[in-house]
Amino acid sequence: MGTTGCVDAKRKPQCYARPTLALGVLKKLQAFGSITYLEDVTFQVLQGYVALLTHNGCINGKGMVALSIVGHIGFIRRFLTFCVNMEYINKNEANKLDRIKRKTPTVFI
């Protein structure tokens, strides 16, 4: 009885994989800023994207929590750093973005 149906067990959807999440973030940024080339990623586009995430980035139309926004910015920063290292672009515009403060979790004792 314990092994019944183990062959039919469903795997997690691919969207839970970390690389797929990064690709989704970059695709959202591309759609938001109408980005065709890496040079199109400017500080103003990044600021607008962060503002979008802050105010209505989620499915329900409300803003994302700070931790999610920090994750999005982190993916973008790492990608643009890779592009600078590969000499595709001259500088990482995401490094100009301010750090978003996260609330420290409350510990109940």
C-alpha atoms as a PDB file:
ATOM      1  CA  MET A   1       0.000   0.000   0.000  1.00  0.00           C
ATOM      2  CA  GLY A   2       2.915   2.376   0.706  1.00  0.00           C
ATOM      3  CA  THR A   3       4.286   2.235  -2.854  1.00  0.00           C
ATOM      4  CA  THR A   4       0.970   2.475  -4.655  1.00  0.00           C
ATOM      5  CA  GLY A   5       0.837   5.464  -6.915  1.00  0.00           C
ATOM      6  CA  CYS A   6       4.496   6.421  -6.475  1.00  0.00           C
ATOM      7  CA  VAL A   7       4.997   6.287 -10.239  1.00  0.00           C
ATOM      8  CA  ASP A   8       2.169   8.758 -10.749  1.00  0.00           C
ATOM      9  CA  ALA A   9       3.542  11.246  -8.191  1.00  0.00           C
ATOM     10  CA  LYS A  10       3.585  14.751  -9.598  1.00  0.00           C
ATOM     11  CA  ARG A  11       6.755  16.789  -9.683  1.00  0.00           C
ATOM     12  CA  LYS A  12       6.787  20.411  -8.629  1.00  0.00           C
ATOM     13  CA  PRO A  13       6.144  22.795 -11.505  1.00  0.00           C
ATOM     14  CA  GLN A  14       9.235  24.213 -13.158  1.00  0.00           C
ATOM     15  CA  CYS A  15       8.375  27.722 -11.938  1.00  0.00           C
ATOM     16  CA  TYR A  16       9.608  26.733  -8.455  1.00  0.00           C
ATOM     17  CA  ALA A  17      13.145  26.283  -9.754  1.00  0.00           C
ATOM     18  CA  ARG A  18      15.474  29.200  -8.937  1.00  0.00           C
ATOM     19  CA  PRO A  19      16.775  29.765 -12.512  1.00  0.00           C
ATOM     20  CA  THR A  20      13.215  29.961 -13.808  1.00  0.00           C
ATOM     21  CA  LEU A  21      12.356  32.592 -11.200  1.00  0.00           C
ATOM     22  CA  ALA A  22      15.330  34.702 -12.330  1.00  0.00           C
ATOM     23  CA  LEU A  23      14.212  34.394 -15.938  1.00  0.00           C
ATOM     24  CA  GLY A  24      10.702  35.487 -14.944  1.00  0.00           C
ATOM     25  CA  VAL A  25      12.078  38.561 -13.175  1.00  0.00           C
ATOM     26  CA  LEU A  26      14.140  39.525 -16.221  1.00  0.00           C
ATOM     27  CA  LYS A  27      11.158  38.987 -18.535  1.00  0.00           C
ATOM     28  CA  LYS A  28       8.984  41.239 -16.336  1.00  0.00           C
ATOM     29  CA  LEU A  29      11.670  43.923 -16.443  1.00  0.00           C
ATOM     30  CA  GLN A  30      11.964  43.565 -20.216  1.00  0.00           C
ATOM     31  CA  ALA A  31       8.203  43.922 -20.680  1.00  0.00           C
ATOM     32  CA  PHE A  32       7.982  46.865 -18.280  1.00  0.00           C
ATOM     33  CA  GLY A  33      10.785  48.883 -19.871  1.00  0.00           C
ATOM     34  CA  SER A  34      10.287  47.762 -23.484  1.00  0.00           C
ATOM     35  CA  ILE A  35      13.905  46.602 -23.369  1.00  0.00           C
ATOM     36  CA  THR A  36      15.454  45.251 -26.556  1.00  0.00           C
ATOM     37  CA  TYR A  37      19.164  45.689 -25.828  1.00  0.00           C
ATOM     38  CA  LEU A  38      21.156  45.649 -22.607  1.00  0.00           C
ATOM     39  CA  GLU A  39      21.938  49.320 -23.097  1.00  0.00           C
ATOM     40  CA  ASP A  40      18.203  49.987 -22.715  1.00  0.00           C
ATOM     41  CA  VAL A  41      18.436  49.052 -19.015  1.00  0.00           C
ATOM     42  CA  THR A  42      18.796  52.486 -17.443  1.00  0.00           C
ATOM     43  CA  PHE A  43      18.567  53.702 -13.881  1.00  0.00           C
ATOM     44  CA  GLN A  44      15.230  55.369 -14.662  1.00  0.00           C
ATOM     45  CA  VAL A  45      13.769  52.100 -15.995  1.00  0.00           C
ATOM     46  CA  LEU A  46      14.976  50.233 -12.908  1.00  0.00           C
ATOM     47  CA  GLN A  47      13.490  52.867 -10.586  1.00  0.00           C
ATOM     48  CA  GLY A  48      10.156  52.624 -12.384  1.00  0.00           C
ATOM     49  CA  TYR A  49      10.217  48.829 -12.177  1.00  0.00           C
ATOM     50  CA  VAL A  50      10.877  48.906  -8.428  1.00  0.00           C
ATOM     51  CA  ALA A  51       8.066  51.456  -8.009  1.00  0.00           C
ATOM     52  CA  LEU A  52       5.735  49.147  -9.937  1.00  0.00           C
ATOM     53  CA  LEU A  53       6.640  46.226  -7.676  1.00  0.00           C
ATOM     54  CA  THR A  54       6.175  48.390  -4.603  1.00  0.00           C
ATOM     55  CA  HIS A  55       2.713  49.632  -5.541  1.00  0.00           C
ATOM     56  CA  ASN A  56       1.027  46.925  -7.612  1.00  0.00           C
ATOM     57  CA  GLY A  57       3.477  44.151  -8.406  1.00  0.00           C
ATOM     58  CA  CYS A  58       1.426  41.236  -7.104  1.00  0.00           C
ATOM     59  CA  ILE A  59      -1.466  39.366  -8.624  1.00  0.00           C
ATOM     60  CA  ASN A  60      -3.977  41.030  -6.292  1.00  0.00           C
ATOM     61  CA  GLY A  61      -2.876  44.516  -7.370  1.00  0.00           C
ATOM     62  CA  LYS A  62      -1.146  45.294  -4.090  1.00  0.00           C
ATOM     63  CA  GLY A  63       2.560  45.865  -3.730  1.00  0.00           C
ATOM     64  CA  MET A  64       5.039  43.120  -3.047  1.00  0.00           C
ATOM     65  CA  VAL A  65       6.610  42.681   0.356  1.00  0.00           C
ATOM     66  CA  ALA A  66      10.096  44.133   0.790  1.00  0.00           C
ATOM     67  CA  LEU A  67      11.757  40.711   0.807  1.00  0.00           C
ATOM     68  CA  SER A  68      10.335  39.875  -2.637  1.00  0.00           C
ATOM     69  CA  ILE A  69      11.435  43.210  -4.064  1.00  0.00           C
ATOM     70  CA  VAL A  70      14.918  42.709  -2.641  1.00  0.00           C
ATOM     71  CA  GLY A  71      14.976  39.336  -4.388  1.00  0.00           C
ATOM     72  CA  HIS A  72      13.985  40.890  -7.716  1.00  0.00           C
ATOM     73  CA  ILE A  73      16.642  43.575  -7.399  1.00  0.00           C
ATOM     74  CA  GLY A  74      19.200  40.923  -6.439  1.00  0.00           C
ATOM     75  CA  PHE A  75      18.503  38.894  -9.580  1.00  0.00           C
ATOM     76  CA  ILE A  76      18.803  41.996 -11.743  1.00  0.00           C
ATOM     77  CA  ARG A  77      22.013  43.131 -10.004  1.00  0.00           C
ATOM     78  CA  ARG A  78      23.658  39.738 -10.431  1.00  0.00           C
ATOM     79  CA  PHE A  79      22.648  39.519 -14.082  1.00  0.00           C
ATOM     80  CA  LEU A  80      23.961  42.998 -14.869  1.00  0.00           C
ATOM     81  CA  THR A  81      27.193  42.249 -12.955  1.00  0.00           C
ATOM     82  CA  PHE A  82      27.605  39.167 -15.145  1.00  0.00           C
ATOM     83  CA  CYS A  83      27.049  41.349 -18.215  1.00  0.00           C
ATOM     84  CA  VAL A  84      29.711  43.817 -17.021  1.00  0.00           C
ATOM     85  CA  ASN A  85      32.154  40.962 -16.361  1.00  0.00           C
ATOM     86  CA  MET A  86      31.523  39.601 -19.851  1.00  0.00           C
ATOM     87  CA  GLU A  87      31.998  43.154 -21.207  1.00  0.00           C
ATOM     88  CA  TYR A  88      28.517  43.293 -22.749  1.00  0.00           C
ATOM     89  CA  ILE A  89      27.877  46.607 -20.960  1.00  0.00           C
ATOM     90  CA  ASN A  90      30.147  49.161 -19.275  1.00  0.00           C
ATOM     91  CA  LYS A  91      28.459  49.592 -15.882  1.00  0.00           C
ATOM     92  CA  ASN A  92      25.810  48.048 -13.691  1.00  0.00           C
ATOM     93  CA  GLU A  93      22.935  50.538 -13.403  1.00  0.00           C
ATOM     94  CA  ALA A  94      21.294  48.422 -10.674  1.00  0.00           C
ATOM     95  CA  ASN A  95      24.108  49.308  -8.265  1.00  0.00           C
ATOM     96  CA  LYS A  96      22.667  52.841  -8.097  1.00  0.00           C
ATOM     97  CA  LEU A  97      19.395  51.586  -6.593  1.00  0.00           C
ATOM     98  CA  ASP A  98      18.888  52.275  -2.898  1.00  0.00           C
ATOM     99  CA  ARG A  99      18.810  49.344  -0.528  1.00  0.00           C
ATOM    100  CA  ILE A 100      15.300  48.453   0.583  1.00  0.00           C
ATOM    101  CA  LYS A 101      14.947  48.020   4.306  1.00  0.00           C
ATOM    102  CA  ARG A 102      13.408  44.782   5.421  1.00  0.00           C
ATOM    103  CA  LYS A 103      11.549  44.337   8.653  1.00  0.00           C
ATOM    104  CA  THR A 104      13.369  42.118  11.078  1.00  0.00           C
ATOM    105  CA  PRO A 105      11.239  39.177  12.116  1.00  0.00           C
ATOM    106  CA  THR A 106       9.756  39.267  15.601  1.00  0.00           C
ATOM    107  CA  VAL A 107      10.995  36.449  17.798  1.00  0.00           C
ATOM    108  CA  PHE A 108       8.469  35.140  20.288  1.00  0.00           C
ATOM    109  CA  ILE A 109       9.904  33.485  23.337  1.00  0.00           C
END
